[in-house]
């Protein structure tokens, strides 16, 4: 029995990055031997075990062959005869197909270290094209390591293009897709994830609503970058630079989908794109079964982001409607995330990345003014039921009028 550290732990150590998760592969062992040493089995598909003390995952060396569609369409074979090289060749990228023993002696049969130095994301073998999830994984790695100068090798991008055209991407489950998408959006350069998906034709398959934004012009007075797709990528980049949470990043990606529906003869104007985009945002939300908080914020940002930009001009009654739509009295955090998404949208324009956004503090102040309306005095005046609701609304409107006059 020989035990090796494999994959990301080896890659990140060689890159000088912190190692978080460690994967181990065991060569020359049987399931019975692992159980005898106190390892606990997990997973039904292939032999993976938890270490009796550390709880880390140890997998028996295995081979695999394609037996069906999608991410799960594989048959695995694990036995003591499977070599380390045979186990490593089934991995996605050369930089993930390295192993080291307890003395840090490197086993690198597919030249992962060379590709690390060349800053290349390259597939290990033609079997790469058998797993559609790898399209998303490679795009995610591109986003993660873009700052280090990594790019996708042309021959790997070609395989990704073939996968995108094969219909295999449609076999991915919403859960697997969302796991990769959400992780990619939380990388330092999530816009690279979208760029790579677009470059290999996967964006058109997975998110045609986002793909449709590229080549759609906007008024240069408001959008010096002109192209709606380029603007979306910039907004996403700003969200990452400002360390926004996943909810905000997801909303940033989808906020302008309605502009993809504007007839060409109306370009570069996009009248009512906020409302038109809602059905598209809903469709993308449902396609990937995004978490509820992500879905809700994306819909609200899509509908109201231009309200956010015009906050200082809004009538008190419109401002009150906006606050009511977000339920700022019970869910203040959601409104704060809306403000953040609006600010990222404003900054995601060429040359305007550092521009101040006074609307943010104005909206926060408006929410505070509306929240300070006390309900108890109205109850003491005898208001109840629907009448109480109307009385509260009147008092909040009064508070917002005073706020607007004094700001």
Protein backbone atom coordinates (compact mmCIF):
# COMPACT_ATOMS: atom_id res chain seq x y z
CA UNK A 1 0.00 0.00 0.00
CA UNK A 2 1.41 3.39 -1.07
CA UNK A 3 -0.25 6.71 -0.25
CA UNK A 4 0.13 9.90 -2.28
CA UNK A 5 -1.09 13.46 -1.94
CA UNK A 6 -2.74 14.42 -5.25
CA UNK A 7 -4.44 17.19 -7.17
CA UNK A 8 -5.03 20.67 -5.82
CA UNK A 9 -2.85 20.30 -2.73
CA UNK A 10 0.21 19.54 -4.89
CA UNK A 11 -0.65 22.23 -7.43
CA UNK A 12 -1.14 24.98 -4.84
CA UNK A 13 2.01 24.05 -2.89
CA UNK A 14 4.05 24.38 -6.10
CA UNK A 15 2.37 27.73 -6.80
CA UNK A 16 3.19 28.92 -3.30
CA UNK A 17 -0.49 29.31 -2.46
CA UNK A 18 -2.11 28.18 0.81
CA UNK A 19 -3.23 24.55 0.77
CA UNK A 20 -6.70 24.03 2.23
CA UNK A 21 -8.17 20.71 1.10
CA UNK A 22 -5.94 17.67 0.74
CA UNK A 23 -6.89 14.67 -1.39
CA UNK A 24 -5.09 11.35 -1.05
CA UNK A 25 -4.91 8.39 -3.39
CA UNK A 26 -4.01 4.89 -2.23
CA UNK A 27 -2.20 2.57 -4.66
CA UNK A 28 -1.94 -1.19 -4.21
CA UNK A 29 -4.69 -1.60 -1.59
CA UNK A 30 -8.06 -3.32 -1.39
CA UNK A 31 -11.24 -2.18 0.29
CA UNK A 32 -10.75 -4.90 2.90
CA UNK A 33 -7.27 -3.58 3.77
CA UNK A 34 -8.60 -0.05 4.17
CA UNK A 35 -11.39 -1.22 6.47
CA UNK A 36 -8.91 -3.27 8.51
CA UNK A 37 -6.89 -0.10 9.12
CA UNK A 38 -9.95 1.69 10.50
CA UNK A 39 -10.87 3.77 7.42
CA UNK A 40 -14.62 4.49 7.10
CA UNK A 41 -16.18 4.04 3.63
CA UNK A 42 -18.17 6.86 2.01
CA UNK A 43 -19.79 7.20 -1.39
CA UNK A 44 -21.53 4.51 -3.35
CA UNK A 45 -19.95 5.13 -6.77
CA UNK A 46 -16.31 4.39 -6.04
CA UNK A 47 -14.14 3.42 -3.07
CA UNK A 48 -13.48 6.53 -0.99
CA UNK A 49 -12.66 6.34 2.70
CA UNK A 50 -12.34 8.73 5.61
CA UNK A 51 -9.15 8.58 7.67
CA UNK A 52 -9.93 7.28 11.19
CA UNK A 53 -8.22 10.28 12.84
CA UNK A 54 -7.97 13.22 10.42
CA UNK A 55 -11.27 12.61 8.61
CA UNK A 56 -9.57 13.42 5.27
CA UNK A 57 -10.63 11.56 2.14
CA UNK A 58 -8.54 8.70 0.79
CA UNK A 59 -9.53 7.17 -2.55
CA UNK A 60 -8.33 3.89 -4.00
CA UNK A 61 -6.51 4.34 -7.31
CA UNK A 62 -9.05 3.79 -10.08
CA UNK A 63 -9.69 3.94 -13.79
CA UNK A 64 -12.90 5.04 -15.45
CA UNK A 65 -14.66 4.68 -18.77
CA UNK A 66 -17.58 6.50 -20.32
CA UNK A 67 -20.83 4.58 -19.97
CA UNK A 68 -23.58 7.21 -20.32
CA UNK A 69 -24.35 10.91 -20.68
CA UNK A 70 -23.31 13.74 -18.41
CA UNK A 71 -21.16 14.11 -15.35
CA UNK A 72 -22.31 10.84 -13.79
CA UNK A 73 -22.09 8.68 -16.91
CA UNK A 74 -18.94 6.77 -15.93
CA UNK A 75 -18.04 3.27 -14.78
CA UNK A 76 -15.18 3.10 -12.27
CA UNK A 77 -12.75 0.27 -11.68
CA UNK A 78 -10.59 0.17 -8.54
CA UNK A 79 -8.12 -2.60 -7.78
CA UNK A 80 -4.60 -3.01 -6.32
CA UNK A 81 -3.30 -3.37 -9.89
CA UNK A 82 -4.26 0.19 -10.91
CA UNK A 83 -1.09 2.29 -11.06
CA UNK A 84 -0.65 5.89 -9.92
CA UNK A 85 -0.14 6.96 -13.55
CA UNK A 86 -3.41 5.27 -14.58
CA UNK A 87 -5.24 7.08 -11.78
CA UNK A 88 -3.75 10.47 -12.69
CA UNK A 89 -4.53 10.23 -16.42
CA UNK A 90 -8.28 10.35 -15.75
CA UNK A 91 -7.98 13.81 -14.15
CA UNK A 92 -9.00 17.00 -15.94
CA UNK A 93 -5.90 19.21 -16.16
CA UNK A 94 -2.19 18.45 -16.12
CA UNK A 95 -1.71 20.84 -13.19
CA UNK A 96 -4.20 18.68 -11.25
CA UNK A 97 -2.58 15.40 -12.31
CA UNK A 98 0.49 15.49 -10.10
CA UNK A 99 1.17 13.49 -6.94
CA UNK A 100 3.73 13.51 -4.18
CA UNK A 101 4.73 11.04 -1.49
CA UNK A 102 5.39 11.78 2.18
CA UNK A 103 8.92 12.98 1.27
CA UNK A 104 7.47 15.47 -1.28
CA UNK A 105 8.93 13.46 -4.18
CA UNK A 106 6.90 14.54 -7.21
CA UNK A 107 5.25 12.16 -9.66
CA UNK A 108 4.38 14.19 -12.76
CA UNK A 109 3.83 11.88 -15.76
CA UNK A 110 1.78 14.43 -17.75
CA UNK A 111 4.04 17.49 -17.30
CA UNK A 112 1.86 19.44 -14.92
CA UNK A 113 4.82 21.28 -13.44
CA UNK A 114 5.88 22.43 -16.89
CA UNK A 115 2.36 23.78 -17.52
CA UNK A 116 2.37 25.48 -14.12
CA UNK A 117 5.50 27.35 -15.14
CA UNK A 118 4.03 28.14 -18.57
CA UNK A 119 0.79 29.30 -16.86
CA UNK A 120 -1.29 26.94 -19.03
CA UNK A 121 -4.51 25.12 -18.24
CA UNK A 122 -4.14 22.02 -20.43
CA UNK A 123 -6.15 18.78 -20.49
CA UNK A 124 -4.41 15.54 -19.56
CA UNK A 125 -5.88 13.26 -22.23
CA UNK A 126 -8.61 13.14 -24.91
CA UNK A 127 -10.86 11.58 -22.23
CA UNK A 128 -11.29 15.17 -21.00
CA UNK A 129 -14.06 15.55 -23.59
CA UNK A 130 -16.11 12.76 -21.96
CA UNK A 131 -17.10 14.87 -18.94
CA UNK A 132 -19.14 18.04 -19.63
CA UNK A 133 -18.61 19.35 -16.10
CA UNK A 134 -14.97 19.95 -17.02
CA UNK A 135 -15.99 22.87 -19.24
CA UNK A 136 -17.24 24.68 -16.15
CA UNK A 137 -14.30 23.54 -14.03
CA UNK A 138 -11.67 24.79 -16.47
CA UNK A 139 -13.47 28.14 -16.78
CA UNK A 140 -13.51 28.33 -12.97
CA UNK A 141 -9.78 27.59 -12.74
CA UNK A 142 -9.19 30.27 -15.38
CA UNK A 143 -11.01 32.75 -13.12
CA UNK A 144 -9.09 31.62 -10.06
CA UNK A 145 -5.63 31.84 -11.58
CA UNK A 146 -6.12 34.70 -14.06
CA UNK A 147 -4.20 37.06 -11.77
CA UNK A 148 -1.18 34.74 -12.05
CA UNK A 149 -1.32 34.92 -15.84
CA UNK A 150 -2.95 31.51 -16.53
CA UNK A 151 -4.78 30.97 -19.81
CA UNK A 152 -6.54 27.97 -21.34
CA UNK A 153 -4.39 26.05 -23.84
CA UNK A 154 -5.82 26.41 -27.39
CA UNK A 155 -6.19 22.63 -27.82
CA UNK A 156 -8.09 22.41 -24.52
CA UNK A 157 -10.37 25.27 -25.54
CA UNK A 158 -11.06 23.37 -28.77
CA UNK A 159 -12.11 20.28 -26.79
CA UNK A 160 -14.33 22.49 -24.65
CA UNK A 161 -15.87 23.86 -27.84
CA UNK A 162 -16.57 20.34 -29.08
CA UNK A 163 -18.18 19.47 -25.76
CA UNK A 164 -20.34 22.60 -25.94
CA UNK A 165 -21.55 21.63 -29.40
CA UNK A 166 -22.14 17.96 -28.54
CA UNK A 167 -25.27 18.42 -26.43
CA UNK A 168 -23.49 16.96 -23.39
CA UNK A 169 -23.77 20.20 -21.40
CA UNK A 170 -27.55 19.79 -21.34
CA UNK A 171 -27.04 16.55 -19.39
CA UNK A 172 -25.56 18.42 -16.41
CA UNK A 173 -27.86 18.59 -13.42
CA UNK A 174 -28.82 22.05 -12.09
CA UNK A 175 -27.15 21.20 -8.78
CA UNK A 176 -23.76 20.33 -10.32
CA UNK A 177 -23.86 23.37 -12.62
CA UNK A 178 -24.79 25.72 -9.77
CA UNK A 179 -21.99 24.38 -7.59
CA UNK A 180 -19.41 25.29 -10.25
CA UNK A 181 -21.07 28.60 -11.18
CA UNK A 182 -21.37 29.77 -7.58
CA UNK A 183 -17.77 28.85 -6.80
CA UNK A 184 -16.57 30.59 -9.97
CA UNK A 185 -18.51 33.77 -9.14
CA UNK A 186 -16.73 33.94 -5.78
CA UNK A 187 -13.26 33.86 -7.38
CA UNK A 188 -11.19 37.05 -7.60
CA UNK A 189 -11.85 37.47 -11.31
CA UNK A 190 -15.31 35.94 -11.97
CA UNK A 191 -15.63 37.81 -15.26
CA UNK A 192 -12.94 35.50 -16.68
CA UNK A 193 -15.25 32.53 -16.00
CA UNK A 194 -17.89 34.09 -18.26
CA UNK A 195 -15.29 35.06 -20.89
CA UNK A 196 -13.96 31.49 -21.12
CA UNK A 197 -17.46 29.99 -21.30
CA UNK A 198 -18.22 32.41 -24.12
CA UNK A 199 -14.96 31.65 -25.93
CA UNK A 200 -15.79 27.93 -26.13
CA UNK A 201 -19.49 28.35 -26.94
CA UNK A 202 -20.70 27.08 -23.55
CA UNK A 203 -22.26 30.38 -22.47
CA UNK A 204 -24.62 30.22 -25.46
CA UNK A 205 -25.76 26.78 -24.26
CA UNK A 206 -25.88 27.35 -20.50
CA UNK A 207 -26.92 31.02 -20.30
CA UNK A 208 -28.09 32.19 -23.73
CA UNK A 209 -29.68 35.20 -22.00
CA UNK A 210 -26.24 36.44 -20.90
CA UNK A 211 -24.57 35.50 -24.19
CA UNK A 212 -27.17 37.61 -26.05
CA UNK A 213 -25.88 40.78 -24.36
CA UNK A 214 -22.60 40.79 -26.28
CA UNK A 215 -22.78 43.03 -29.32
CA UNK A 216 -25.78 44.97 -27.98
CA UNK A 217 -24.92 48.71 -27.77
CA UNK A 218 -25.94 51.14 -25.02
CA UNK A 219 -25.97 54.96 -25.08
CA UNK A 220 -22.30 56.07 -24.94
CA UNK A 221 -23.21 59.05 -22.73
CA UNK A 222 -24.09 56.66 -19.89
CA UNK A 223 -21.97 53.70 -20.99
CA UNK A 224 -18.59 54.64 -22.49
CA UNK A 225 -17.87 50.91 -22.94
CA UNK A 226 -21.01 50.76 -25.17
CA UNK A 227 -21.30 46.93 -25.36
CA UNK A 228 -23.81 45.51 -22.85
CA UNK A 229 -21.89 42.26 -22.47
CA UNK A 230 -18.65 44.11 -21.73
CA UNK A 231 -20.55 46.22 -19.18
CA UNK A 232 -21.90 43.09 -17.46
CA UNK A 233 -18.38 41.68 -17.14
CA UNK A 234 -17.15 44.98 -15.68
CA UNK A 235 -19.98 45.04 -13.13
CA UNK A 236 -19.07 41.50 -12.10
CA UNK A 237 -15.42 42.50 -11.81
CA UNK A 238 -16.34 45.45 -9.58
CA UNK A 239 -18.42 43.14 -7.37
CA UNK A 240 -15.35 40.95 -6.87
CA UNK A 241 -13.04 43.91 -6.23
CA UNK A 242 -15.44 45.12 -3.54
CA UNK A 243 -15.70 41.63 -1.98
CA UNK A 244 -19.46 41.39 -2.51
CA UNK A 245 -21.31 38.23 -1.45
CA UNK A 246 -22.66 35.64 -3.89
CA UNK A 247 -26.18 37.14 -3.87
CA UNK A 248 -24.86 40.47 -5.15
CA UNK A 249 -22.56 38.88 -7.74
CA UNK A 250 -25.41 36.75 -9.12
CA UNK A 251 -27.65 39.83 -9.35
CA UNK A 252 -24.85 41.76 -11.09
CA UNK A 253 -24.53 39.04 -13.72
CA UNK A 254 -28.25 39.05 -14.53
CA UNK A 255 -29.32 42.67 -13.95
CA UNK A 256 -29.38 43.79 -17.61
CA UNK A 257 -30.79 40.69 -19.32
CA UNK A 258 -33.74 42.70 -20.67
CA UNK A 259 -31.39 44.63 -22.97
CA UNK A 260 -30.88 41.45 -24.96
CA UNK A 261 -34.54 41.64 -26.00
CA UNK A 262 -34.43 45.19 -27.40
CA UNK A 263 -35.16 45.26 -31.17
CA UNK A 264 -32.15 46.47 -33.17
CA UNK A 265 -34.08 49.43 -34.56
CA UNK A 266 -34.40 50.79 -31.00
CA UNK A 267 -30.67 50.54 -30.19
CA UNK A 268 -28.87 51.99 -28.29
CA UNK A 269 -31.90 52.84 -26.09
CA UNK A 270 -33.47 50.10 -23.97
CA UNK A 271 -36.90 51.29 -22.90
CA UNK A 272 -38.44 49.25 -20.05
CA UNK A 273 -35.55 46.75 -20.13
CA UNK A 274 -35.94 46.34 -16.37
CA UNK A 275 -39.43 44.90 -16.69
CA UNK A 276 -38.69 42.93 -19.88
CA UNK A 277 -35.73 41.22 -18.24
CA UNK A 278 -37.70 39.74 -15.34
CA UNK A 279 -38.91 36.67 -17.26
CA UNK A 280 -35.33 35.98 -18.38
CA UNK A 281 -33.92 36.37 -14.87
CA UNK A 282 -36.62 34.01 -13.60
CA UNK A 283 -35.73 31.46 -16.28
CA UNK A 284 -32.00 31.50 -15.41
CA UNK A 285 -32.79 31.29 -11.68
CA UNK A 286 -34.95 28.23 -12.23
CA UNK A 287 -32.57 26.57 -14.71
CA UNK A 288 -29.81 26.37 -12.10
CA UNK A 289 -32.05 26.13 -9.04
CA UNK A 290 -30.22 29.08 -7.52
CA UNK A 291 -30.73 29.51 -3.76
CA UNK A 292 -33.77 31.54 -2.80
CA UNK A 293 -31.81 34.59 -1.57
CA UNK A 294 -29.92 34.73 -4.88
CA UNK A 295 -33.13 34.39 -6.89
CA UNK A 296 -34.97 37.09 -4.95
CA UNK A 297 -32.18 39.65 -5.08
CA UNK A 298 -31.58 39.06 -8.80
CA UNK A 299 -35.27 39.71 -9.55
CA UNK A 300 -35.40 42.84 -7.38
CA UNK A 301 -32.15 44.28 -8.76
CA UNK A 302 -33.32 43.56 -12.31
CA UNK A 303 -36.56 45.44 -11.72
CA UNK A 304 -35.35 48.36 -9.61
CA UNK A 305 -31.66 49.05 -10.36
CA UNK A 306 -32.49 52.18 -12.38
CA UNK A 307 -34.56 53.39 -9.40
CA UNK A 308 -31.36 53.08 -7.40
CA UNK A 309 -29.43 55.23 -9.88
CA UNK A 310 -32.18 57.89 -9.88
CA UNK A 311 -32.64 57.74 -6.09
CA UNK A 312 -31.98 61.47 -5.56
CA UNK A 313 -34.68 62.38 -8.10
CA UNK A 314 -37.39 59.97 -6.89
CA UNK A 315 -40.62 61.38 -5.48
CA UNK A 316 -41.19 60.43 -1.82
CA UNK A 317 -44.13 58.23 -2.89
CA UNK A 318 -41.91 56.31 -5.39
CA UNK A 319 -39.22 56.01 -2.75
CA UNK A 320 -41.75 54.56 -0.34
CA UNK A 321 -42.88 52.01 -2.93
CA UNK A 322 -39.26 50.99 -3.46
CA UNK A 323 -38.71 50.48 0.28
CA UNK A 324 -41.96 48.50 0.54
CA UNK A 325 -40.90 46.25 -2.37
CA UNK A 326 -37.77 45.28 -0.43
CA UNK A 327 -39.55 44.90 2.91
CA UNK A 328 -36.80 47.03 4.47
CA UNK A 329 -38.51 46.91 7.86
CA UNK A 330 -38.03 43.16 8.28
CA UNK A 331 -35.23 42.48 5.79
CA UNK A 332 -32.74 45.36 5.96
CA UNK A 333 -29.85 43.22 4.69
CA UNK A 334 -31.55 42.56 1.35
CA UNK A 335 -31.91 46.30 0.73
CA UNK A 336 -28.25 46.80 1.64
CA UNK A 337 -27.32 44.16 -0.98
CA UNK A 338 -29.53 45.93 -3.52
CA UNK A 339 -27.66 49.19 -2.88
CA UNK A 340 -24.35 47.34 -3.32
CA UNK A 341 -25.48 45.85 -6.65
CA UNK A 342 -26.57 49.30 -7.88
CA UNK A 343 -23.21 50.77 -6.93
CA UNK A 344 -21.36 47.96 -8.74
CA UNK A 345 -23.54 48.64 -11.80
CA UNK A 346 -22.63 52.33 -11.69
CA UNK A 347 -18.92 51.56 -11.29
CA UNK A 348 -18.91 48.89 -14.01
CA UNK A 349 -18.50 51.47 -16.75
CA UNK A 350 -15.32 52.31 -18.60
CA UNK A 351 -13.48 55.17 -16.90
CA UNK A 352 -16.08 55.54 -14.13
CA UNK A 353 -14.84 52.79 -11.81
CA UNK A 354 -13.76 55.27 -9.11
CA UNK A 355 -16.75 57.60 -9.37
CA UNK A 356 -18.60 58.27 -6.12
CA UNK A 357 -22.12 56.93 -5.68
CA UNK A 358 -24.03 59.32 -3.37
CA UNK A 359 -27.23 57.38 -4.07
CA UNK A 360 -26.02 54.68 -1.66
CA UNK A 361 -26.05 56.86 1.46
CA UNK A 362 -29.21 58.60 0.31
CA UNK A 363 -31.07 55.28 0.04
CA UNK A 364 -29.75 54.14 3.42
CA UNK A 365 -30.95 57.39 4.97
CA UNK A 366 -34.38 56.99 3.36
CA UNK A 367 -34.70 53.49 4.78
CA UNK A 368 -33.73 54.73 8.23
CA UNK A 369 -36.27 57.57 8.01
CA UNK A 370 -39.06 55.17 7.08
CA UNK A 371 -38.06 52.72 9.80
CA UNK A 372 -38.19 55.36 12.55
CA UNK A 373 -41.95 55.74 12.22
CA UNK A 374 -43.36 54.42 15.51
CA UNK A 375 -46.41 52.16 15.37
CA UNK A 376 -47.40 52.44 19.04
CA UNK A 377 -48.81 56.01 18.88
CA UNK A 378 -51.01 54.95 15.96
CA UNK A 379 -52.29 51.96 17.94
CA UNK A 380 -53.07 54.30 20.83
CA UNK A 381 -55.11 56.47 18.46
CA UNK A 382 -57.28 53.42 17.78
CA UNK A 383 -56.01 52.43 14.33
CA UNK A 384 -56.19 48.69 13.59
CA UNK A 385 -56.33 46.28 10.67
CA UNK A 386 -56.16 47.81 7.17
CA UNK A 387 -56.62 51.30 8.65
CA UNK A 388 -53.47 50.84 10.70
CA UNK A 389 -51.57 49.84 7.59
CA UNK A 390 -52.71 52.97 5.75
CA UNK A 391 -51.87 55.16 8.74
CA UNK A 392 -48.35 53.71 8.94
CA UNK A 393 -47.92 54.30 5.21
CA UNK A 394 -49.01 57.95 5.56
CA UNK A 395 -46.58 58.54 8.41
CA UNK A 396 -43.73 56.92 6.49
CA UNK A 397 -44.50 59.07 3.45
CA UNK A 398 -44.46 62.14 5.69
CA UNK A 399 -41.08 61.05 7.10
CA UNK A 400 -39.66 60.57 3.59
CA UNK A 401 -40.90 64.01 2.48
CA UNK A 402 -39.14 65.57 5.46
CA UNK A 403 -36.02 63.53 4.71
CA UNK A 404 -35.96 64.64 1.06
CA UNK A 405 -36.44 68.31 2.02
CA UNK A 406 -33.63 68.19 4.57
CA UNK A 407 -31.09 66.30 2.44
